[in-house]
Amino acid sequence: MKYRRLGRTGLQVSCVGFGTSQLRRVTSSVAIDTLLCGFDLGVNIVHTAPDYGGAEDLVAQAVVRTSKKIIVACNAYDVHGNRTSRVRHFEKLFESTCRKFKTDRLDLFGIASVDDREALGENVWGRGGMVEFIHRKKAQGRIGATFCTSHGSPEFNRRLIESGAFDAVMLSYNQLGFHLLTMTPTEDVFRNRDEVFPLCRRHDVGLMIMLPLAGGMLCDSKAFGLDEDRIRGGVRANDALQSILRDENISCVMPGTASVSEAEENARAGHLPRTPSHRSLRVIDDRVAVLRSGVCSRCGQCELTCSQKLPIRWLFRAAYMSVYPNSPYETSDEYEYFRLHPSLHSTCATCQNVTCVCPTGIDVCGSLSALHGTMMDHLRRGLVAPPVPQRGFFGNRWFGARVVRAELPERMRPNQTYTCRLFVENVGLRAWHPSGQWHGSSVRLEAFFDETLIASADVRERTGRGLRCHFVFDIKSPPCPTTVNFRLRLARSHRWLGNRASLTILERLIPVGEE
C-alpha cells in the first residue's frame, strides 16, 4: 500500500481509505469482514459518521479485532436552527464517538457537510459554535487534527481552506462530474479539481476524496444485487481510483465499500507499482461518455421549458436512488418518486407538447418514460413508497412500526441464502435501542418460516419516534420445493423489568422451487 501525507495533520494515510455509509445495507458480519479485509491490505483510514446506520459501532468492533493502527475520521452535526447557542448536540456526538472507540482522543474529528450546516441554520462559526468547539478540544489534546466534509461550491470550499479552521477537508470528485446525491449544480467537481485541489496543497490542507466512484454509477457494485435495467459498464473500480490518485494534490480516496470483494479491489488500487493503462483510461472515458449522454446531472435547466411543469431533476434523483442500489441513503417522503409524479401513468409517455430541452442533449422525455416503467415495477415489489403516504401502522401508541421499504425475495430456490433488507419507521412513543445498553431495553427483528425462527437482527442505533432504521439479515431457503409463510416480527424486551412485547409487521407466502 502506498501512503501519503495528510497535509499539516502530519498523519501518513493509505492512499485508499474506506467510506462506511453503505455498511447499513449489509449484515454486521459482512461489514466487519469487509473492514478487516481492507485493514489486512494496508488501509489505515476509515471515514464514518453518527448517521451512517450504526457504522461507527461496526468500525469500532473491527478496529478492536486488528493489530494495525487505524485512523478513524469521524464527524458530526448539531440541531437545525440552533444559530447562536452552544452546540450541545455536536458535543454529545463527540463524546459518544469517544466512548464507542474507548478513547479520550480522536485522530481526526470535524464537521459533516459544512455547507448543509450553514444552510440548516446551525452554529458553525459563531461563539460556542462547532469550529470553536473542535479547536478547543484540539488545544486540550482530545482531537489530533480537525477536518470537514463539504458539497459546497468552489467559492465556498475556497473560503473553508483559506479560513485556516481545518487541517484537512473531504470533497467530492469523480470522472463523471456528479453523483447520486447531487442536488444543485453548485457542487462543481471539475472546478474543485482545477481551483481548490491546488489551493489545498498551497495551504498544506490534507485532501480526502469522497464519492470517487460517483456513488456507484461508474462501476458495477459487488456488494448489492443489481437491477436488470441498470446501466452496466466495463470500468473496474481500481482503475477509476488509480486514475484519480494520479493527482498528487490528493492524499487519499475514500470509496464506499460494503463487501469483501469490493474491499480487496478498492484497497489494491493503492498498491504499487500499478498505474492505469491507456486502455483502462479509454474504458473510463467511454463509460463517462455513455453516462453523460443518458444520465441527468440534475442541473434543473429542463424544468424551465417543461410544458407539464414536472419537477424533472427530483424525479430523476428519486428514480436513480431506487435503480442504483449502491446508494446508502433514502429519499424523504416529500421527494419520493410517486409523491412527485402526478399519476401512475407516465406523464412523459403521453405528453402531446414535448418542449423540455436538456443543455447536454439528454432525451428527457424518453429517459423519464423508461424510468417510469422501472419505478412501476419497484412499486409493485414494495421497493418504493406508494403515491399516497401510508397512514396505518402495526402496534400501538407506545410500540408501533411502519414498513417503509422491504427488499425481500419474491420466490426462492431450494437451499439458497438470500439477503433481506427492511427499512422501518418507529411510530411509537418509546425509542428503540440496540442491545447491551445500560437500561436493558432493546428491539430486534425476528424472521420466521411458519413458526420456526430462522434469523434475527438487532436495531443498530437508537431510533426515536418518527425516525427510521435498517434491518439486514440473511435467510436460507428450505432444501425442498414448498411454499413457506414468511413472517417478520419486531420484538421489544427489557432485561431488568423482564417484560417483552412483539408485533408482526410483514407476512407473505413465498414459493420455493427450481423455477
Protein backbone atom coordinates (compact mmCIF):
# COMPACT_ATOMS: atom_id res chain seq x y z
CA MET A 1 0.00 0.00 0.00
CA LYS A 2 1.20 3.48 -0.82
CA TYR A 3 0.89 6.08 1.96
CA ARG A 4 0.66 9.84 1.62
CA ARG A 5 0.93 12.76 4.00
CA LEU A 6 -2.45 14.21 5.00
CA GLY A 7 -1.48 17.87 4.90
CA ARG A 8 -0.46 19.55 8.14
CA THR A 9 -2.12 16.82 10.21
CA GLY A 10 1.21 15.00 9.91
CA LEU A 11 -0.67 11.72 9.50
CA GLN A 12 0.52 9.20 6.92
CA VAL A 13 -2.63 7.72 5.42
CA SER A 14 -3.17 4.92 2.92
CA CYS A 15 -3.92 6.47 -0.46
CA VAL A 16 -7.08 4.32 -0.50
CA GLY A 17 -9.29 4.59 2.56
CA PHE A 18 -12.82 3.36 3.14
CA GLY A 19 -16.16 5.13 3.36
CA THR A 20 -18.72 3.35 5.54
CA SER A 21 -22.15 4.79 4.77
CA GLN A 22 -23.03 1.70 2.70
CA LEU A 23 -22.44 -0.66 5.62
CA ARG A 24 -26.01 -0.08 6.76
CA ARG A 25 -27.13 -2.20 3.80
CA VAL A 26 -25.17 -5.34 4.72
CA THR A 27 -25.17 -7.65 7.73
CA SER A 28 -22.90 -6.86 10.67
CA SER A 29 -20.67 -9.86 9.98
CA VAL A 30 -20.19 -8.85 6.33
CA ALA A 31 -19.45 -5.26 7.37
CA ILE A 32 -16.76 -6.28 9.85
CA ASP A 33 -15.20 -8.80 7.43
CA THR A 34 -15.11 -6.05 4.79
CA LEU A 35 -13.27 -3.67 7.08
CA LEU A 36 -10.81 -6.32 8.29
CA CYS A 37 -10.01 -7.31 4.71
CA GLY A 38 -9.11 -3.70 3.95
CA PHE A 39 -7.01 -3.39 7.09
CA ASP A 40 -5.07 -6.54 6.14
CA LEU A 41 -4.33 -4.99 2.74
CA GLY A 42 -2.95 -1.79 4.26
CA VAL A 43 -5.98 0.50 4.53
CA ASN A 44 -5.40 2.62 7.63
CA ILE A 45 -8.04 5.37 7.35
CA VAL A 46 -11.82 4.99 7.57
CA HIS A 47 -14.47 7.70 7.46
CA THR A 48 -17.69 7.37 9.44
CA ALA A 49 -20.44 9.48 10.99
CA PRO A 50 -23.24 9.08 13.56
CA ASP A 51 -25.96 9.00 10.87
CA TYR A 52 -24.44 6.08 8.95
CA GLY A 53 -26.81 3.48 10.39
CA GLY A 54 -24.58 2.15 13.17
CA ALA A 55 -21.39 2.22 11.10
CA GLU A 56 -19.43 3.79 13.97
CA ASP A 57 -20.11 0.74 16.14
CA LEU A 58 -19.14 -1.63 13.33
CA VAL A 59 -15.88 0.24 12.72
CA ALA A 60 -15.16 0.19 16.46
CA GLN A 61 -15.64 -3.60 16.53
CA ALA A 62 -13.36 -4.06 13.52
CA VAL A 63 -10.65 -1.79 14.97
CA VAL A 64 -10.57 -3.89 18.15
CA ARG A 65 -10.04 -7.04 16.08
CA THR A 66 -6.98 -5.80 14.17
CA SER A 67 -3.45 -5.23 15.41
CA LYS A 68 -2.89 -2.42 12.92
CA LYS A 69 -3.13 1.28 13.74
CA ILE A 70 -6.33 2.61 12.16
CA ILE A 71 -7.12 6.31 11.76
CA VAL A 72 -10.85 6.88 12.11
CA ALA A 73 -12.08 10.15 10.62
CA CYS A 74 -15.32 10.95 12.46
CA ASN A 75 -17.56 13.96 12.00
CA ALA A 76 -20.81 15.25 13.47
CA TYR A 77 -23.54 17.87 13.25
CA ASP A 78 -25.78 19.92 15.51
CA VAL A 79 -29.50 20.75 15.73
CA HIS A 80 -31.18 22.58 12.84
CA GLY A 81 -31.96 26.21 13.62
CA ASN A 82 -29.56 26.45 16.55
CA ARG A 83 -27.87 29.50 15.04
CA THR A 84 -26.37 31.22 18.07
CA SER A 85 -26.50 28.84 21.04
CA ARG A 86 -23.93 26.37 22.29
CA VAL A 87 -23.75 23.25 20.11
CA ARG A 88 -24.65 20.73 22.81
CA HIS A 89 -25.75 18.02 20.38
CA PHE A 90 -22.46 18.29 18.47
CA GLU A 91 -20.59 17.97 21.77
CA LYS A 92 -22.72 14.97 22.74
CA LEU A 93 -21.88 13.21 19.47
CA PHE A 94 -18.17 13.85 20.02
CA GLU A 95 -18.27 12.26 23.47
CA SER A 96 -20.36 9.37 22.15
CA THR A 97 -17.78 8.66 19.44
CA CYS A 98 -15.00 8.67 22.05
CA ARG A 99 -16.90 6.14 24.15
CA LYS A 100 -17.50 3.85 21.18
CA PHE A 101 -13.80 3.76 20.36
CA LYS A 102 -12.83 3.61 24.05
CA THR A 103 -10.53 6.61 23.86
CA ASP A 104 -10.28 10.20 25.07
CA ARG A 105 -8.52 11.32 21.90
CA LEU A 106 -9.61 11.11 18.25
CA ASP A 107 -7.03 11.40 15.46
CA LEU A 108 -9.46 13.22 13.15
CA PHE A 109 -12.74 14.84 14.10
CA GLY A 110 -14.76 17.54 12.43
CA ILE A 111 -17.95 18.86 10.91
CA ALA A 112 -20.15 16.95 8.49
CA SER A 113 -21.17 18.84 5.31
CA VAL A 114 -20.38 22.36 6.47
CA ASP A 115 -22.46 23.82 3.64
CA ASP A 116 -25.52 21.95 4.92
CA ARG A 117 -24.84 23.03 8.49
CA GLU A 118 -24.90 26.65 7.41
CA ALA A 119 -27.97 26.20 5.19
CA LEU A 120 -29.85 24.49 8.04
CA GLY A 121 -29.11 27.30 10.45
CA GLU A 122 -26.62 25.54 12.71
CA ASN A 123 -23.94 27.40 14.65
CA VAL A 124 -20.76 26.75 12.69
CA TRP A 125 -18.62 29.86 13.09
CA GLY A 126 -20.22 31.77 15.96
CA ARG A 127 -19.44 31.91 19.64
CA GLY A 128 -19.92 28.48 21.18
CA GLY A 129 -20.17 27.00 17.69
CA MET A 130 -18.73 23.88 16.12
CA VAL A 131 -15.46 25.43 14.88
CA GLU A 132 -14.79 26.88 18.31
CA PHE A 133 -15.53 23.51 19.94
CA ILE A 134 -13.18 21.44 17.76
CA HIS A 135 -10.36 23.94 18.22
CA ARG A 136 -10.85 23.91 21.98
CA LYS A 137 -10.69 20.11 22.02
CA LYS A 138 -7.62 20.18 19.81
CA ALA A 139 -5.90 22.55 22.24
CA GLN A 140 -6.83 20.16 25.07
CA GLY A 141 -5.25 17.27 23.17
CA ARG A 142 -8.51 15.40 22.66
CA ILE A 143 -8.52 15.95 18.87
CA GLY A 144 -5.38 15.33 16.87
CA ALA A 145 -6.48 17.23 13.75
CA THR A 146 -9.65 18.95 12.51
CA PHE A 147 -11.43 18.32 9.23
CA CYS A 148 -14.74 18.85 7.49
CA THR A 149 -16.70 17.49 4.55
CA SER A 150 -18.32 19.79 2.00
CA HIS A 151 -20.61 19.60 -1.02
CA GLY A 152 -20.44 23.37 -1.48
CA SER A 153 -19.47 25.47 -4.46
CA PRO A 154 -15.80 26.05 -5.36
CA GLU A 155 -16.10 29.55 -3.88
CA PHE A 156 -17.44 28.11 -0.63
CA ASN A 157 -14.68 25.49 -0.48
CA ARG A 158 -12.05 28.14 -1.13
CA ARG A 159 -13.27 30.07 1.89
CA LEU A 160 -13.11 26.92 4.02
CA ILE A 161 -9.48 26.30 3.13
CA GLU A 162 -8.38 29.90 3.46
CA SER A 163 -10.11 30.22 6.86
CA GLY A 164 -7.42 28.05 8.45
CA ALA A 165 -10.07 26.34 10.56
CA PHE A 166 -9.45 22.84 9.17
CA ASP A 167 -6.32 20.73 8.87
CA ALA A 168 -7.97 18.55 6.22
CA VAL A 169 -11.07 18.58 4.02
CA MET A 170 -13.09 15.91 2.26
CA LEU A 171 -14.55 16.90 -1.12
CA SER A 172 -16.39 15.06 -3.88
CA TYR A 173 -14.65 14.17 -7.09
CA ASN A 174 -15.08 11.59 -9.84
CA GLN A 175 -14.61 11.45 -13.60
CA LEU A 176 -18.35 11.62 -14.21
CA GLY A 177 -18.63 15.02 -12.54
CA PHE A 178 -21.56 14.30 -10.23
CA HIS A 179 -23.07 11.59 -8.07
CA LEU A 180 -26.39 10.27 -6.81
CA LEU A 181 -26.70 12.81 -4.01
CA THR A 182 -26.02 15.90 -6.11
CA MET A 183 -29.00 18.25 -5.81
CA THR A 184 -27.74 21.53 -7.26
CA PRO A 185 -25.16 22.43 -9.91
CA THR A 186 -23.18 24.48 -7.38
CA GLU A 187 -21.06 21.45 -6.47
CA ASP A 188 -18.79 21.78 -9.48
CA VAL A 189 -16.31 18.95 -9.02
CA PHE A 190 -14.23 19.87 -12.06
CA ARG A 191 -13.72 23.43 -10.85
CA ASN A 192 -12.86 21.98 -7.45
CA ARG A 193 -10.21 19.85 -9.14
CA ASP A 194 -8.73 22.76 -11.07
CA GLU A 195 -9.02 25.53 -8.48
CA VAL A 196 -9.49 24.07 -5.00
CA PHE A 197 -7.24 21.00 -5.06
CA PRO A 198 -4.05 23.03 -5.74
CA LEU A 199 -5.18 25.51 -3.07
CA CYS A 200 -5.23 22.68 -0.53
CA ARG A 201 -1.63 21.88 -1.35
CA ARG A 202 -0.56 25.53 -1.06
CA HIS A 203 -2.21 25.85 2.38
CA ASP A 204 -0.97 22.38 3.43
CA VAL A 205 -4.55 21.19 3.98
CA GLY A 206 -4.96 17.43 3.61
CA LEU A 207 -7.34 16.49 0.79
CA MET A 208 -9.56 13.40 1.00
CA ILE A 209 -11.87 12.47 -1.88
CA MET A 210 -15.34 11.08 -1.28
CA LEU A 211 -17.64 9.54 -3.90
CA PRO A 212 -14.73 8.72 -6.26
CA LEU A 213 -16.92 6.11 -7.99
CA ALA A 214 -19.82 8.57 -8.43
CA GLY A 215 -21.98 6.85 -5.85
CA GLY A 216 -21.68 3.53 -7.69
CA MET A 217 -22.55 4.89 -11.12
CA LEU A 218 -19.10 4.34 -12.65
CA CYS A 219 -18.69 0.70 -11.66
CA ASP A 220 -20.94 -2.30 -11.11
CA SER A 221 -21.33 -2.96 -7.41
CA LYS A 222 -20.04 -6.20 -5.95
CA ALA A 223 -21.92 -5.66 -2.70
CA PHE A 224 -25.57 -5.39 -3.73
CA GLY A 225 -27.75 -7.08 -6.31
CA LEU A 226 -28.27 -5.08 -9.47
CA ASP A 227 -31.47 -4.41 -11.38
CA GLU A 228 -31.60 -5.84 -14.90
CA ASP A 229 -32.14 -2.42 -16.43
CA ARG A 230 -29.22 -0.80 -14.68
CA ILE A 231 -26.65 0.77 -16.96
CA ARG A 232 -23.68 -1.57 -16.94
CA GLY A 233 -20.13 -0.63 -17.72
CA GLY A 234 -16.76 -2.23 -18.07
CA VAL A 235 -14.91 0.04 -15.64
CA ARG A 236 -13.01 -1.60 -12.81
CA ALA A 237 -13.07 0.24 -9.51
CA ASN A 238 -9.31 0.09 -9.04
CA ASP A 239 -8.72 1.69 -12.46
CA ALA A 240 -11.11 4.54 -11.64
CA LEU A 241 -9.45 5.06 -8.24
CA GLN A 242 -5.92 4.94 -9.62
CA SER A 243 -6.74 7.48 -12.30
CA ILE A 244 -7.83 9.91 -9.57
CA LEU A 245 -4.75 9.18 -7.46
CA ARG A 246 -2.51 10.44 -10.28
CA ASP A 247 -3.27 13.90 -8.86
CA GLU A 248 -0.58 14.46 -6.23
CA ASN A 249 -2.71 17.12 -4.53
CA ILE A 250 -4.90 14.28 -3.24
CA SER A 251 -3.93 12.47 -0.04
CA CYS A 252 -6.45 9.63 -0.32
CA VAL A 253 -9.67 8.46 -1.94
CA MET A 254 -12.49 7.14 0.27
CA PRO A 255 -14.78 4.88 -1.78
CA GLY A 256 -17.83 3.42 -0.09
CA THR A 257 -17.08 -0.25 0.48
CA ALA A 258 -19.57 -2.93 1.56
CA SER A 259 -18.24 -6.38 0.66
CA VAL A 260 -15.01 -8.33 0.97
CA SER A 261 -14.56 -8.44 -2.81
CA GLU A 262 -15.06 -4.66 -3.02
CA ALA A 263 -12.63 -4.18 -0.14
CA GLU A 264 -9.94 -6.16 -1.93
CA GLU A 265 -10.41 -4.47 -5.29
CA ASN A 266 -10.52 -0.97 -3.81
CA ALA A 267 -7.56 -1.50 -1.48
CA ARG A 268 -5.35 -2.93 -4.22
CA ALA A 269 -5.82 0.30 -6.16
CA GLY A 270 -3.39 1.78 -3.64
CA HIS A 271 -0.72 -0.88 -4.11
CA LEU A 272 2.43 -0.07 -6.04
CA PRO A 273 3.60 -0.14 -8.76
CA ARG A 274 0.23 -0.33 -10.52
CA THR A 275 -0.97 2.56 -12.68
CA PRO A 276 -3.99 2.61 -15.00
CA SER A 277 -3.17 1.59 -18.56
CA HIS A 278 -4.10 3.67 -21.59
CA ARG A 279 -6.75 1.07 -22.39
CA SER A 280 -8.24 1.41 -18.89
CA LEU A 281 -8.37 5.17 -19.21
CA ARG A 282 -10.14 4.83 -22.57
CA VAL A 283 -12.70 2.49 -21.00
CA ILE A 284 -13.36 5.06 -18.27
CA ASP A 285 -13.76 7.82 -20.85
CA ASP A 286 -16.18 5.68 -22.87
CA ARG A 287 -18.21 4.84 -19.77
CA VAL A 288 -18.38 8.50 -18.77
CA ALA A 289 -19.47 9.49 -22.29
CA VAL A 290 -22.31 6.94 -22.21
CA LEU A 291 -23.50 8.06 -18.80
CA ARG A 292 -23.38 11.76 -19.63
CA SER A 293 -25.47 11.17 -22.72
CA GLY A 294 -28.23 9.49 -20.76
CA VAL A 295 -27.94 10.28 -17.04
CA CYS A 296 -29.35 13.51 -15.64
CA SER A 297 -26.94 15.70 -13.68
CA ARG A 298 -29.92 17.48 -12.12
CA CYS A 299 -28.94 20.99 -13.19
CA GLY A 300 -32.64 21.90 -13.42
CA GLN A 301 -32.47 23.76 -16.72
CA CYS A 302 -35.01 21.49 -18.43
CA GLU A 303 -37.67 22.35 -15.83
CA LEU A 304 -37.84 25.88 -17.26
CA THR A 305 -39.03 24.50 -20.60
CA CYS A 306 -41.25 21.59 -19.48
CA SER A 307 -44.83 22.03 -20.71
CA GLN A 308 -46.12 19.78 -17.88
CA LYS A 309 -44.26 21.70 -15.15
CA LEU A 310 -42.76 18.50 -13.78
CA PRO A 311 -40.01 18.60 -11.11
CA ILE A 312 -37.75 16.76 -13.55
CA ARG A 313 -34.47 16.80 -11.62
CA TRP A 314 -36.18 15.47 -8.49
CA LEU A 315 -37.94 12.74 -10.45
CA PHE A 316 -34.62 11.64 -11.91
CA ARG A 317 -32.96 11.74 -8.49
CA ALA A 318 -35.71 9.72 -6.82
CA ALA A 319 -35.57 7.13 -9.61
CA TYR A 320 -31.77 6.87 -9.51
CA MET A 321 -31.85 6.36 -5.74
CA SER A 322 -34.07 3.33 -6.34
CA VAL A 323 -32.48 1.99 -9.54
CA TYR A 324 -28.91 2.19 -8.21
CA PRO A 325 -28.97 0.06 -5.04
CA ASN A 326 -25.45 1.19 -4.10
CA SER A 327 -26.92 4.36 -2.63
CA PRO A 328 -26.98 4.10 1.15
CA TYR A 329 -29.50 6.87 1.61
CA GLU A 330 -33.24 7.02 1.28
CA THR A 331 -35.39 9.71 -0.24
CA SER A 332 -37.53 11.63 2.24
CA ASP A 333 -41.31 11.28 1.89
CA GLU A 334 -41.85 14.56 0.06
CA TYR A 335 -39.24 13.66 -2.58
CA GLU A 336 -40.34 10.08 -3.21
CA TYR A 337 -40.92 9.40 -6.90
CA PHE A 338 -44.67 8.72 -6.69
CA ARG A 339 -45.23 11.70 -4.41
CA LEU A 340 -43.73 13.93 -7.11
CA HIS A 341 -45.18 12.27 -10.21
CA PRO A 342 -48.80 13.35 -10.80
CA SER A 343 -50.16 9.84 -11.59
CA LEU A 344 -49.29 6.17 -12.00
CA HIS A 345 -49.36 6.68 -15.77
CA SER A 346 -46.24 8.17 -17.32
CA THR A 347 -46.84 11.86 -17.99
CA CYS A 348 -43.93 11.99 -20.43
CA ALA A 349 -45.12 8.98 -22.44
CA THR A 350 -48.45 10.70 -23.17
CA CYS A 351 -47.19 14.29 -23.47
CA GLN A 352 -48.55 15.96 -26.63
CA ASN A 353 -46.35 19.05 -26.30
CA VAL A 354 -42.75 17.97 -25.68
CA THR A 355 -40.87 21.20 -25.08
CA CYS A 356 -38.29 20.17 -22.44
CA VAL A 357 -34.73 20.79 -23.54
CA CYS A 358 -31.60 19.40 -21.87
CA PRO A 359 -28.43 21.51 -22.25
CA THR A 360 -26.34 18.31 -22.52
CA GLY A 361 -28.62 16.64 -25.05
CA ILE A 362 -30.38 14.04 -22.88
CA ASP A 363 -33.72 12.80 -24.23
CA VAL A 364 -35.59 13.92 -21.11
CA CYS A 365 -39.00 12.67 -22.22
CA GLY A 366 -37.74 9.28 -23.36
CA SER A 367 -35.49 8.75 -20.34
CA LEU A 368 -38.22 9.59 -17.83
CA SER A 369 -40.69 7.34 -19.67
CA ALA A 370 -38.26 4.42 -19.44
CA LEU A 371 -37.50 5.10 -15.78
CA HIS A 372 -41.22 5.30 -15.01
CA GLY A 373 -41.65 1.70 -16.15
CA THR A 374 -38.86 0.62 -13.82
CA MET A 375 -40.37 2.57 -10.93
CA MET A 376 -43.78 0.96 -11.51
CA ASP A 377 -42.10 -2.44 -11.18
CA HIS A 378 -40.38 -1.28 -7.98
CA LEU A 379 -43.74 -0.07 -6.68
CA ARG A 380 -45.27 -3.49 -7.30
CA ARG A 381 -42.39 -5.14 -5.44
CA GLY A 382 -42.63 -2.78 -2.46
CA LEU A 383 -39.25 -1.15 -3.08
CA VAL A 384 -40.56 2.43 -3.26
CA ALA A 385 -43.19 4.41 -1.39
CA PRO A 386 -46.72 4.42 -2.88
CA PRO A 387 -48.38 7.61 -4.18
CA VAL A 388 -50.45 8.10 -1.01
CA PRO A 389 -48.50 8.11 2.27
CA GLN A 390 -49.26 5.05 4.35
CA ARG A 391 -51.02 6.24 7.49
CA GLY A 392 -51.53 2.83 9.04
CA PHE A 393 -49.01 1.11 11.26
CA PHE A 394 -48.60 -2.01 13.33
CA GLY A 395 -48.65 -1.99 17.12
CA ASN A 396 -49.86 0.70 19.49
CA ARG A 397 -49.01 4.25 20.52
CA TRP A 398 -46.13 3.03 22.70
CA PHE A 399 -44.61 0.36 20.47
CA GLY A 400 -45.51 0.84 16.82
CA ALA A 401 -43.81 0.45 13.43
CA ARG A 402 -44.39 1.21 9.77
CA VAL A 403 -42.57 -0.62 6.98
CA VAL A 404 -41.16 1.97 4.57
CA ARG A 405 -39.43 -0.43 2.17
CA ALA A 406 -38.81 -4.16 2.09
CA GLU A 407 -36.20 -5.83 -0.12
CA LEU A 408 -37.27 -9.46 0.13
CA PRO A 409 -37.20 -12.41 -2.30
CA GLU A 410 -40.45 -12.93 -4.20
CA ARG A 411 -39.54 -16.57 -4.79
CA MET A 412 -36.59 -18.72 -3.75
CA ARG A 413 -34.62 -21.69 -4.99
CA PRO A 414 -34.14 -24.57 -2.54
CA ASN A 415 -31.22 -24.43 -0.11
CA GLN A 416 -30.06 -20.93 -1.13
CA THR A 417 -29.10 -17.93 1.03
CA TYR A 418 -30.82 -14.59 0.45
CA THR A 419 -30.04 -11.20 1.97
CA CYS A 420 -33.10 -9.30 3.16
CA ARG A 421 -33.24 -5.57 3.88
CA LEU A 422 -36.03 -3.82 5.73
CA PHE A 423 -36.40 -0.08 6.26
CA VAL A 424 -38.74 0.60 9.19
CA GLU A 425 -40.08 3.75 10.85
CA ASN A 426 -40.68 3.96 14.59
CA VAL A 427 -44.19 5.42 15.01
CA GLY A 428 -44.45 4.68 18.74
CA LEU A 429 -43.64 6.97 21.67
CA ARG A 430 -40.79 4.83 23.01
CA ALA A 431 -37.39 4.84 21.34
CA TRP A 432 -35.80 1.65 20.02
CA HIS A 433 -32.35 0.78 21.37
CA PRO A 434 -29.60 -1.68 20.44
CA SER A 435 -28.90 -4.49 22.88
CA GLY A 436 -26.27 -4.02 25.57
CA GLN A 437 -27.44 -0.59 26.74
CA TRP A 438 -27.30 0.25 30.45
CA HIS A 439 -31.10 0.46 30.74
CA GLY A 440 -31.55 -3.06 29.37
CA SER A 441 -34.17 -2.13 26.76
CA SER A 442 -33.67 -3.39 23.20
CA VAL A 443 -35.52 -4.02 19.93
CA ARG A 444 -34.77 -6.70 17.38
CA LEU A 445 -36.33 -8.06 14.21
CA GLU A 446 -37.14 -11.77 14.05
CA ALA A 447 -37.82 -13.73 10.84
CA PHE A 448 -39.92 -16.90 10.73
CA PHE A 449 -40.74 -19.64 8.26
CA ASP A 450 -44.15 -20.67 9.53
CA GLU A 451 -43.48 -20.84 13.29
CA THR A 452 -39.74 -21.55 13.08
CA LEU A 453 -37.32 -18.70 13.89
CA ILE A 454 -34.76 -18.59 11.07
CA ALA A 455 -32.96 -15.25 11.53
CA SER A 456 -32.82 -12.13 13.67
CA ALA A 457 -31.20 -8.70 13.59
CA ASP A 458 -30.79 -6.09 16.33
CA VAL A 459 -31.54 -2.45 15.72
CA ARG A 460 -28.09 -0.87 15.21
CA GLU A 461 -28.71 2.62 16.57
CA ARG A 462 -31.12 4.47 18.81
CA THR A 463 -34.26 5.17 16.78
CA GLY A 464 -36.67 7.69 18.27
CA ARG A 465 -40.25 8.42 17.31
CA GLY A 466 -40.55 9.39 13.64
CA LEU A 467 -37.05 8.12 12.80
CA ARG A 468 -36.16 5.16 10.59
CA CYS A 469 -33.67 2.34 10.74
CA HIS A 470 -32.37 -0.59 8.67
CA PHE A 471 -32.57 -4.26 9.48
CA VAL A 472 -30.36 -6.52 7.36
CA PHE A 473 -30.25 -10.31 7.73
CA ASP A 474 -29.70 -13.50 5.74
CA ILE A 475 -32.22 -16.30 5.35
CA LYS A 476 -31.70 -19.79 3.96
CA SER A 477 -34.49 -21.36 1.97
CA PRO A 478 -35.80 -24.88 2.70
CA PRO A 479 -33.98 -27.77 0.96
CA CYS A 480 -37.06 -28.98 -0.93
CA PRO A 481 -39.70 -27.25 -3.10
CA THR A 482 -42.57 -25.93 -1.00
CA THR A 483 -44.36 -22.70 -0.06
CA VAL A 484 -43.43 -21.03 3.20
CA ASN A 485 -45.28 -18.48 5.27
CA PHE A 486 -42.60 -15.82 5.74
CA ARG A 487 -43.27 -13.60 8.75
CA LEU A 488 -41.32 -10.68 10.23
CA ARG A 489 -41.83 -9.69 13.84
CA LEU A 490 -40.43 -6.83 15.90
CA ALA A 491 -39.64 -7.84 19.48
CA ARG A 492 -39.07 -5.39 22.32
CA SER A 493 -37.60 -6.60 25.59
CA HIS A 494 -36.40 -5.10 28.85
CA ARG A 495 -33.77 -7.11 30.67
CA TRP A 496 -34.34 -5.59 34.11
CA LEU A 497 -38.12 -5.34 34.03
CA GLY A 498 -38.47 -8.76 32.45
CA ASN A 499 -41.25 -7.71 30.05
CA ARG A 500 -41.46 -8.42 26.33
CA ALA A 501 -43.70 -7.17 23.55
CA SER A 502 -43.86 -8.16 19.91
CA LEU A 503 -45.74 -7.19 16.77
CA THR A 504 -45.88 -8.75 13.31
CA ILE A 505 -45.04 -6.13 10.68
CA LEU A 506 -44.98 -8.22 7.49
CA GLU A 507 -46.31 -11.59 6.38
CA ARG A 508 -46.36 -13.20 2.93
CA LEU A 509 -46.25 -16.56 1.17
CA ILE A 510 -43.04 -17.27 -0.74
CA PRO A 511 -42.82 -20.18 -3.18
CA VAL A 512 -39.66 -22.30 -3.08
CA GLY A 513 -38.85 -24.18 -6.26
CA GLU A 514 -36.35 -24.76 -9.05
CA GLU A 515 -38.04 -22.31 -11.42
